[in-house]
Each structure stands twice: as structure tokens, then as C-alpha cells.
Amino acid sequence: MQDTDLPIFFAQQADPIAADQAVFGAAQPDDEGAFLVKWARIRANPDTLTRTIEADGGVAGYAHAPRLDRLVDELIFRLDADVVHNQ
């Protein structure tokens, strides 16, 4: 994951259709400040594995997995709606 991925992740989160379809979405998906705080916390945690998902040469979304006791307890991901619907 790179810093340049964050604006793409935010645009994906802020998309009204994607936000409406998210099972566990952000309370305010268009709040960029809250988004940046959340991602600073995720990226600062050395026990969280974070990856950018790429498709067709571009950023398609992300996956991150908090690890506790060397095990992955959950997998959190977001995929761009265009990628999901075009596969």
C-alpha cells in the first residue's frame, strides 16, 4: 500500500452507491478527516497486514487484516463497484 492509494480508497468509500451497499460502512462515508484518522491508525499498527488490491493495472480496493496472537482474526476489504460488476 502506498500513500497515493489513499485518495482512491476515499473516493471508493465516498461513492454514494458503494456506501449504501456496504454492510459495515463508515458512519459518514464522505468525511475525509475521519477517513484519514482511521487510515493513520490502521497504518500505524504493526500487527495489521494491509494490501492494495489491483485489477487491470489500477487500484481496485484494499484488504487489511488485524493479527492477534499471530493469527488473522478478520479480513476487512473494499472493492471498487466497477471492478465487482465487470468481472
PDB file of N, CA and C in Angstrom:
ATOM      1  N   MET A   1       0.827  -1.171   0.000  1.00  0.00           N
ATOM      2  CA  MET A   1       0.000   0.000   0.000  1.00  0.00           C
ATOM      3  C   MET A   1       0.878   1.242   0.000  1.00  0.00           C
ATOM      4  N   GLN A   2       0.456   2.243  -0.786  1.00  0.00           N
ATOM      5  CA  GLN A   2       1.223   3.480  -0.894  1.00  0.00           C
ATOM      6  C   GLN A   2       0.337   4.667  -0.518  1.00  0.00           C
ATOM      7  N   ASP A   3       0.964   5.780  -0.172  1.00  0.00           N
ATOM      8  CA  ASP A   3       0.210   6.995   0.164  1.00  0.00           C
ATOM      9  C   ASP A   3      -0.720   7.406  -0.972  1.00  0.00           C
ATOM     10  N   THR A   4      -0.285   7.182  -2.201  1.00  0.00           N
ATOM     11  CA  THR A   4      -1.090   7.590  -3.359  1.00  0.00           C
ATOM     12  C   THR A   4      -2.364   6.754  -3.521  1.00  0.00           C
ATOM     13  N   ASP A   5      -2.461   5.652  -2.791  1.00  0.00           N
ATOM     14  CA  ASP A   5      -3.676   4.833  -2.832  1.00  0.00           C
ATOM     15  C   ASP A   5      -4.808   5.443  -2.001  1.00  0.00           C
ATOM     16  N   LEU A   6      -4.461   6.227  -0.982  1.00  0.00           N
ATOM     17  CA  LEU A   6      -5.475   6.735  -0.057  1.00  0.00           C
ATOM     18  C   LEU A   6      -6.569   7.569  -0.727  1.00  0.00           C
ATOM     19  N   PRO A   7      -6.246   8.505  -1.638  1.00  0.00           N
ATOM     20  CA  PRO A   7      -7.333   9.248  -2.281  1.00  0.00           C
ATOM     21  C   PRO A   7      -8.285   8.344  -3.075  1.00  0.00           C
ATOM     22  N   ILE A   8      -7.757   7.267  -3.625  1.00  0.00           N
ATOM     23  CA  ILE A   8      -8.594   6.323  -4.366  1.00  0.00           C
ATOM     24  C   ILE A   8      -9.481   5.558  -3.400  1.00  0.00           C
ATOM     25  N   PHE A   9      -8.906   5.123  -2.279  1.00  0.00           N
ATOM     26  CA  PHE A   9      -9.706   4.437  -1.265  1.00  0.00           C
ATOM     27  C   PHE A   9     -10.828   5.348  -0.765  1.00  0.00           C
ATOM     28  N   PHE A  10     -10.507   6.634  -0.550  1.00  0.00           N
ATOM     29  CA  PHE A  10     -11.527   7.568  -0.064  1.00  0.00           C
ATOM     30  C   PHE A  10     -12.638   7.753  -1.098  1.00  0.00           C
ATOM     31  N   ALA A  11     -12.262   7.902  -2.360  1.00  0.00           N
ATOM     32  CA  ALA A  11     -13.275   8.059  -3.416  1.00  0.00           C
ATOM     33  C   ALA A  11     -14.179   6.831  -3.473  1.00  0.00           C
ATOM     34  N   GLN A  12     -13.610   5.659  -3.290  1.00  0.00           N
ATOM     35  CA  GLN A  12     -14.412   4.430  -3.289  1.00  0.00           C
ATOM     36  C   GLN A  12     -15.364   4.421  -2.100  1.00  0.00           C
ATOM     37  N   GLN A  13     -14.885   4.825  -0.936  1.00  0.00           N
ATOM     38  CA  GLN A  13     -15.718   4.859   0.261  1.00  0.00           C
ATOM     39  C   GLN A  13     -16.823   5.907   0.145  1.00  0.00           C
ATOM     40  N   ALA A  14     -16.499   7.064  -0.437  1.00  0.00           N
ATOM     41  CA  ALA A  14     -17.442   8.176  -0.511  1.00  0.00           C
ATOM     42  C   ALA A  14     -18.481   8.009  -1.612  1.00  0.00           C
ATOM     43  N   ASP A  15     -18.275   7.067  -2.519  1.00  0.00           N
ATOM     44  CA  ASP A  15     -19.248   6.826  -3.586  1.00  0.00           C
ATOM     45  C   ASP A  15     -20.605   6.489  -2.959  1.00  0.00           C
ATOM     46  N   PRO A  16     -21.653   7.259  -3.255  1.00  0.00           N
ATOM     47  CA  PRO A  16     -22.948   7.041  -2.590  1.00  0.00           C
ATOM     48  C   PRO A  16     -23.527   5.640  -2.784  1.00  0.00           C
ATOM     49  N   ILE A  17     -23.372   5.076  -3.954  1.00  0.00           N
ATOM     50  CA  ILE A  17     -23.916   3.735  -4.200  1.00  0.00           C
ATOM     51  C   ILE A  17     -23.122   2.706  -3.402  1.00  0.00           C
ATOM     52  N   ALA A  18     -21.800   2.823  -3.418  1.00  0.00           N
ATOM     53  CA  ALA A  18     -20.970   1.887  -2.660  1.00  0.00           C
ATOM     54  C   ALA A  18     -21.239   2.017  -1.165  1.00  0.00           C
ATOM     55  N   ALA A  19     -21.384   3.246  -0.688  1.00  0.00           N
ATOM     56  CA  ALA A  19     -21.658   3.462   0.739  1.00  0.00           C
ATOM     57  C   ALA A  19     -22.995   2.839   1.133  1.00  0.00           C
ATOM     58  N   ASP A  20     -23.969   2.941   0.253  1.00  0.00           N
ATOM     59  CA  ASP A  20     -25.289   2.369   0.531  1.00  0.00           C
ATOM     60  C   ASP A  20     -25.247   0.842   0.568  1.00  0.00           C
ATOM     61  N   GLN A  21     -24.380   0.249  -0.224  1.00  0.00           N
ATOM     62  CA  GLN A  21     -24.299  -1.207  -0.312  1.00  0.00           C
ATOM     63  C   GLN A  21     -23.358  -1.835   0.718  1.00  0.00           C
ATOM     64  N   ALA A  22     -22.540  -1.018   1.373  1.00  0.00           N
ATOM     65  CA  ALA A  22     -21.567  -1.549   2.328  1.00  0.00           C
ATOM     66  C   ALA A  22     -22.278  -2.129   3.552  1.00  0.00           C
ATOM     67  N   VAL A  23     -21.911  -3.332   3.906  1.00  0.00           N
ATOM     68  CA  VAL A  23     -22.500  -3.974   5.081  1.00  0.00           C
ATOM     69  C   VAL A  23     -22.001  -3.296   6.352  1.00  0.00           C
ATOM     70  N   PHE A  24     -20.690  -3.060   6.427  1.00  0.00           N
ATOM     71  CA  PHE A  24     -20.090  -2.388   7.567  1.00  0.00           C
ATOM     72  C   PHE A  24     -19.369  -1.146   7.070  1.00  0.00           C
ATOM     73  N   GLY A  25     -20.117  -0.144   6.676  1.00  0.00           N
ATOM     74  CA  GLY A  25     -19.526   1.061   6.120  1.00  0.00           C
ATOM     75  C   GLY A  25     -19.260   2.110   7.174  1.00  0.00           C
ATOM     76  N   ALA A  26     -18.603   3.175   6.757  1.00  0.00           N
ATOM     77  CA  ALA A  26     -18.312   4.295   7.647  1.00  0.00           C
ATOM     78  C   ALA A  26     -19.600   5.024   7.990  1.00  0.00           C
ATOM     79  N   ALA A  27     -19.664   5.577   9.201  1.00  0.00           N
ATOM     80  CA  ALA A  27     -20.858   6.321   9.631  1.00  0.00           C
ATOM     81  C   ALA A  27     -21.096   7.517   8.716  1.00  0.00           C
ATOM     82  N   GLN A  28     -20.027   8.183   8.337  1.00  0.00           N
ATOM     83  CA  GLN A  28     -20.107   9.313   7.406  1.00  0.00           C
ATOM     84  C   GLN A  28     -19.083   9.071   6.302  1.00  0.00           C
ATOM     85  N   PRO A  29     -19.473   8.351   5.266  1.00  0.00           N
ATOM     86  CA  PRO A  29     -18.509   7.940   4.241  1.00  0.00           C
ATOM     87  C   PRO A  29     -17.842   9.085   3.489  1.00  0.00           C
ATOM     88  N   ASP A  30     -18.422  10.281   3.528  1.00  0.00           N
ATOM     89  CA  ASP A  30     -17.823  11.403   2.811  1.00  0.00           C
ATOM     90  C   ASP A  30     -16.999  12.317   3.725  1.00  0.00           C
ATOM     91  N   ASP A  31     -16.710  11.881   4.949  1.00  0.00           N
ATOM     92  CA  ASP A  31     -15.908  12.648   5.894  1.00  0.00           C
ATOM     93  C   ASP A  31     -14.433  12.273   5.717  1.00  0.00           C
ATOM     94  N   GLU A  32     -13.723  13.082   4.943  1.00  0.00           N
ATOM     95  CA  GLU A  32     -12.328  12.761   4.631  1.00  0.00           C
ATOM     96  C   GLU A  32     -11.432  12.822   5.864  1.00  0.00           C
ATOM     97  N   GLY A  33     -11.721  13.731   6.783  1.00  0.00           N
ATOM     98  CA  GLY A  33     -10.926  13.820   8.007  1.00  0.00           C
ATOM     99  C   GLY A  33     -10.999  12.539   8.815  1.00  0.00           C
ATOM    100  N   ALA A  34     -12.213  12.019   9.000  1.00  0.00           N
ATOM    101  CA  ALA A  34     -12.391  10.760   9.737  1.00  0.00           C
ATOM    102  C   ALA A  34     -11.719   9.610   8.994  1.00  0.00           C
ATOM    103  N   PHE A  35     -11.805   9.625   7.681  1.00  0.00           N
ATOM    104  CA  PHE A  35     -11.159   8.600   6.855  1.00  0.00           C
ATOM    105  C   PHE A  35      -9.646   8.600   7.080  1.00  0.00           C
ATOM    106  N   LEU A  36      -9.040   9.784   7.049  1.00  0.00           N
ATOM    107  CA  LEU A  36      -7.590   9.882   7.215  1.00  0.00           C
ATOM    108  C   LEU A  36      -7.145   9.467   8.619  1.00  0.00           C
ATOM    109  N   VAL A  37      -7.938   9.811   9.632  1.00  0.00           N
ATOM    110  CA  VAL A  37      -7.626   9.385  11.003  1.00  0.00           C
ATOM    111  C   VAL A  37      -7.684   7.867  11.100  1.00  0.00           C
ATOM    112  N   LYS A  38      -8.724   7.269  10.514  1.00  0.00           N
ATOM    113  CA  LYS A  38      -8.866   5.806  10.537  1.00  0.00           C
ATOM    114  C   LYS A  38      -7.667   5.139   9.866  1.00  0.00           C
ATOM    115  N   TRP A  39      -7.287   5.645   8.692  1.00  0.00           N
ATOM    116  CA  TRP A  39      -6.179   5.025   7.973  1.00  0.00           C
ATOM    117  C   TRP A  39      -4.837   5.268   8.646  1.00  0.00           C
ATOM    118  N   ALA A  40      -4.665   6.384   9.329  1.00  0.00           N
ATOM    119  CA  ALA A  40      -3.429   6.611  10.090  1.00  0.00           C
ATOM    120  C   ALA A  40      -3.320   5.572  11.203  1.00  0.00           C
ATOM    121  N   ARG A  41      -4.432   5.278  11.859  1.00  0.00           N
ATOM    122  CA  ARG A  41      -4.446   4.267  12.919  1.00  0.00           C
ATOM    123  C   ARG A  41      -4.146   2.870  12.351  1.00  0.00           C
ATOM    124  N   ILE A  42      -4.769   2.536  11.227  1.00  0.00           N
ATOM    125  CA  ILE A  42      -4.539   1.236  10.596  1.00  0.00           C
ATOM    126  C   ILE A  42      -3.076   1.077  10.206  1.00  0.00           C
ATOM    127  N   ARG A  43      -2.535   2.093   9.570  1.00  0.00           N
ATOM    128  CA  ARG A  43      -1.166   2.001   9.065  1.00  0.00           C
ATOM    129  C   ARG A  43      -0.121   2.037  10.170  1.00  0.00           C
ATOM    130  N   ALA A  44      -0.463   2.627  11.317  1.00  0.00           N
ATOM    131  CA  ALA A  44       0.481   2.711  12.432  1.00  0.00           C
ATOM    132  C   ALA A  44       0.555   1.419  13.237  1.00  0.00           C
ATOM    133  N   ASN A  45      -0.402   0.542  13.037  1.00  0.00           N
ATOM    134  CA  ASN A  45      -0.455  -0.699  13.803  1.00  0.00           C
ATOM    135  C   ASN A  45       0.423  -1.757  13.137  1.00  0.00           C
ATOM    136  N   PRO A  46       1.531  -2.129  13.766  1.00  0.00           N
ATOM    137  CA  PRO A  46       2.419  -3.117  13.141  1.00  0.00           C
ATOM    138  C   PRO A  46       1.813  -4.522  13.083  1.00  0.00           C
ATOM    139  N   ASP A  47       0.731  -4.735  13.801  1.00  0.00           N
ATOM    140  CA  ASP A  47       0.085  -6.051  13.799  1.00  0.00           C
ATOM    141  C   ASP A  47      -1.026  -6.164  12.754  1.00  0.00           C
ATOM    142  N   THR A  48      -1.183  -5.152  11.932  1.00  0.00           N
ATOM    143  CA  THR A  48      -2.197  -5.188  10.878  1.00  0.00           C
ATOM    144  C   THR A  48      -1.518  -5.327   9.520  1.00  0.00           C
ATOM    145  N   LEU A  49      -1.902  -6.333   8.796  1.00  0.00           N
ATOM    146  CA  LEU A  49      -1.406  -6.566   7.440  1.00  0.00           C
ATOM    147  C   LEU A  49      -2.320  -5.817   6.478  1.00  0.00           C
ATOM    148  N   THR A  50      -1.768  -4.912   5.683  1.00  0.00           N
ATOM    149  CA  THR A  50      -2.564  -4.079   4.778  1.00  0.00           C
ATOM    150  C   THR A  50      -2.019  -4.206   3.360  1.00  0.00           C
ATOM    151  N   ARG A  51      -2.933  -4.403   2.401  1.00  0.00           N
ATOM    152  CA  ARG A  51      -2.544  -4.542   0.997  1.00  0.00           C
ATOM    153  C   ARG A  51      -3.514  -3.783   0.090  1.00  0.00           C
ATOM    154  N   THR A  52      -2.981  -3.282  -1.013  1.00  0.00           N
ATOM    155  CA  THR A  52      -3.802  -2.701  -2.065  1.00  0.00           C
ATOM    156  C   THR A  52      -4.176  -3.820  -3.026  1.00  0.00           C
ATOM    157  N   ILE A  53      -5.420  -3.850  -3.437  1.00  0.00           N
ATOM    158  CA  ILE A  53      -5.883  -4.813  -4.438  1.00  0.00           C
ATOM    159  C   ILE A  53      -5.835  -4.116  -5.786  1.00  0.00           C
ATOM    160  N   GLU A  54      -5.187  -4.731  -6.750  1.00  0.00           N
ATOM    161  CA  GLU A  54      -5.061  -4.148  -8.079  1.00  0.00           C
ATOM    162  C   GLU A  54      -5.790  -5.002  -9.102  1.00  0.00           C
ATOM    163  N   ALA A  55      -6.365  -4.333 -10.088  1.00  0.00           N
ATOM    164  CA  ALA A  55      -7.013  -5.015 -11.210  1.00  0.00           C
ATOM    165  C   ALA A  55      -6.838  -4.152 -12.448  1.00  0.00           C
ATOM    166  N   ASP A  56      -6.517  -4.777 -13.536  1.00  0.00           N
ATOM    167  CA  ASP A  56      -6.336  -4.079 -14.813  1.00  0.00           C
ATOM    168  C   ASP A  56      -5.380  -2.896 -14.693  1.00  0.00           C
ATOM    169  N   GLY A  57      -4.333  -3.056 -13.894  1.00  0.00           N
ATOM    170  CA  GLY A  57      -3.307  -2.026 -13.778  1.00  0.00           C
ATOM    171  C   GLY A  57      -3.651  -0.862 -12.874  1.00  0.00           C
ATOM    172  N   GLY A  58      -4.776  -0.903 -12.187  1.00  0.00           N
ATOM    173  CA  GLY A  58      -5.167   0.195 -11.304  1.00  0.00           C
ATOM    174  C   GLY A  58      -5.553  -0.294  -9.926  1.00  0.00           C
ATOM    175  N   VAL A  59      -5.800   0.651  -9.049  1.00  0.00           N
ATOM    176  CA  VAL A  59      -6.207   0.337  -7.685  1.00  0.00           C
ATOM    177  C   VAL A  59      -7.678  -0.047  -7.686  1.00  0.00           C
ATOM    178  N   ALA A  60      -7.957  -1.261  -7.250  1.00  0.00           N
ATOM    179  CA  ALA A  60      -9.335  -1.763  -7.230  1.00  0.00           C
ATOM    180  C   ALA A  60      -9.920  -1.770  -5.824  1.00  0.00           C
ATOM    181  N   GLY A  61      -9.076  -1.604  -4.820  1.00  0.00           N
ATOM    182  CA  GLY A  61      -9.565  -1.618  -3.448  1.00  0.00           C
ATOM    183  C   GLY A  61      -8.439  -1.962  -2.495  1.00  0.00           C
ATOM    184  N   TYR A  62      -8.831  -2.422  -1.313  1.00  0.00           N
ATOM    185  CA  TYR A  62      -7.843  -2.756  -0.300  1.00  0.00           C
ATOM    186  C   TYR A  62      -8.312  -3.942   0.525  1.00  0.00           C
ATOM    187  N   ALA A  63      -7.366  -4.500   1.239  1.00  0.00           N
ATOM    188  CA  ALA A  63      -7.649  -5.528   2.234  1.00  0.00           C
ATOM    189  C   ALA A  63      -6.726  -5.271   3.406  1.00  0.00           C
ATOM    190  N   HIS A  64      -7.269  -5.375   4.597  1.00  0.00           N
ATOM    191  CA  HIS A  64      -6.400  -5.321   5.769  1.00  0.00           C
ATOM    192  C   HIS A  64      -6.911  -6.307   6.800  1.00  0.00           C
ATOM    193  N   ALA A  65      -5.951  -6.870   7.511  1.00  0.00           N
ATOM    194  CA  ALA A  65      -6.259  -7.929   8.469  1.00  0.00           C
ATOM    195  C   ALA A  65      -5.509  -7.688   9.763  1.00  0.00           C
ATOM    196  N   PRO A  66      -6.239  -7.359  10.824  1.00  0.00           N
ATOM    197  CA  PRO A  66      -5.590  -7.249  12.130  1.00  0.00           C
ATOM    198  C   PRO A  66      -5.154  -8.635  12.604  1.00  0.00           C
ATOM    199  N   ARG A  67      -3.955  -8.721  13.133  1.00  0.00           N
ATOM    200  CA  ARG A  67      -3.456 -10.010  13.627  1.00  0.00           C
ATOM    201  C   ARG A  67      -3.318  -9.956  15.143  1.00  0.00           C
ATOM    202  N   LEU A  68      -3.853 -10.945  15.796  1.00  0.00           N
ATOM    203  CA  LEU A  68      -3.702 -11.093  17.240  1.00  0.00           C
ATOM    204  C   LEU A  68      -3.148 -12.482  17.495  1.00  0.00           C
ATOM    205  N   ASP A  69      -2.165 -12.557  18.340  1.00  0.00           N
ATOM    206  CA  ASP A  69      -1.565 -13.851  18.661  1.00  0.00           C
ATOM    207  C   ASP A  69      -1.132 -14.605  17.407  1.00  0.00           C
ATOM    208  N   ARG A  70      -0.589 -13.877  16.434  1.00  0.00           N
ATOM    209  CA  ARG A  70      -0.069 -14.451  15.181  1.00  0.00           C
ATOM    210  C   ARG A  70      -1.141 -15.039  14.265  1.00  0.00           C
ATOM    211  N   LEU A  71      -2.390 -14.851  14.600  1.00  0.00           N
ATOM    212  CA  LEU A  71      -3.485 -15.330  13.760  1.00  0.00           C
ATOM    213  C   LEU A  71      -4.249 -14.134  13.212  1.00  0.00           C
ATOM    214  N   VAL A  72      -4.797 -14.285  12.041  1.00  0.00           N
ATOM    215  CA  VAL A  72      -5.656 -13.246  11.483  1.00  0.00           C
ATOM    216  C   VAL A  72      -7.062 -13.482  12.018  1.00  0.00           C
ATOM    217  N   ASP A  73      -7.578 -12.496  12.736  1.00  0.00           N
ATOM    218  CA  ASP A  73      -8.906 -12.632  13.329  1.00  0.00           C
ATOM    219  C   ASP A  73     -10.026 -12.242  12.369  1.00  0.00           C
ATOM    220  N   GLU A  74      -9.736 -11.348  11.447  1.00  0.00           N
ATOM    221  CA  GLU A  74     -10.754 -10.928  10.489  1.00  0.00           C
ATOM    222  C   GLU A  74     -10.070 -10.354   9.254  1.00  0.00           C
ATOM    223  N   LEU A  75     -10.795 -10.330   8.177  1.00  0.00           N
ATOM    224  CA  LEU A  75     -10.314  -9.730   6.937  1.00  0.00           C
ATOM    225  C   LEU A  75     -11.301  -8.649   6.553  1.00  0.00           C
ATOM    226  N   ILE A  76     -10.808  -7.436   6.396  1.00  0.00           N
ATOM    227  CA  ILE A  76     -11.633  -6.292   6.040  1.00  0.00           C
ATOM    228  C   ILE A  76     -11.214  -5.887   4.637  1.00  0.00           C
ATOM    229  N   PHE A  77     -12.185  -5.706   3.757  1.00  0.00           N
ATOM    230  CA  PHE A  77     -11.822  -5.329   2.389  1.00  0.00           C
ATOM    231  C   PHE A  77     -12.883  -4.444   1.760  1.00  0.00           C
ATOM    232  N   ARG A  78     -12.467  -3.733   0.726  1.00  0.00           N
ATOM    233  CA  ARG A  78     -13.369  -2.923  -0.095  1.00  0.00           C
ATOM    234  C   ARG A  78     -12.895  -3.069  -1.527  1.00  0.00           C
ATOM    235  N   LEU A  79     -13.843  -3.313  -2.417  1.00  0.00           N
ATOM    236  CA  LEU A  79     -13.545  -3.378  -3.840  1.00  0.00           C
ATOM    237  C   LEU A  79     -14.377  -2.336  -4.563  1.00  0.00           C
ATOM    238  N   ASP A  80     -13.764  -1.687  -5.531  1.00  0.00           N
ATOM    239  CA  ASP A  80     -14.479  -0.717  -6.352  1.00  0.00           C
ATOM    240  C   ASP A  80     -15.656  -1.383  -7.044  1.00  0.00           C
ATOM    241  N   ALA A  81     -16.799  -0.737  -7.055  1.00  0.00           N
ATOM    242  CA  ALA A  81     -18.014  -1.318  -7.642  1.00  0.00           C
ATOM    243  C   ALA A  81     -17.830  -1.669  -9.113  1.00  0.00           C
ATOM    244  N   ASP A  82     -17.073  -0.854  -9.849  1.00  0.00           N
ATOM    245  CA  ASP A  82     -16.858  -1.151 -11.267  1.00  0.00           C
ATOM    246  C   ASP A  82     -16.092  -2.459 -11.442  1.00  0.00           C
ATOM    247  N   VAL A  83     -15.166  -2.737 -10.575  1.00  0.00           N
ATOM    248  CA  VAL A  83     -14.411  -3.976 -10.654  1.00  0.00           C
ATOM    249  C   VAL A  83     -15.319  -5.162 -10.353  1.00  0.00           C
ATOM    250  N   VAL A  84     -16.127  -5.032  -9.334  1.00  0.00           N
ATOM    251  CA  VAL A  84     -17.022  -6.108  -8.940  1.00  0.00           C
ATOM    252  C   VAL A  84     -18.022  -6.423 -10.051  1.00  0.00           C
ATOM    253  N   HIS A  85     -18.595  -5.403 -10.647  1.00  0.00           N
ATOM    254  CA  HIS A  85     -19.636  -5.605 -11.656  1.00  0.00           C
ATOM    255  C   HIS A  85     -19.105  -5.979 -13.033  1.00  0.00           C
ATOM    256  N   ASN A  86     -17.808  -5.754 -13.271  1.00  0.00           N
ATOM    257  CA  ASN A  86     -17.237  -6.067 -14.577  1.00  0.00           C
ATOM    258  C   ASN A  86     -16.511  -7.412 -14.613  1.00  0.00           C
ATOM    259  N   GLN A  87     -16.544  -8.154 -13.547  1.00  0.00           N
ATOM    260  CA  GLN A  87     -15.842  -9.450 -13.525  1.00  0.00           C
ATOM    261  C   GLN A  87     -16.767 -10.565 -13.932  1.00  0.00           C
TER     262      GLN A  87
END
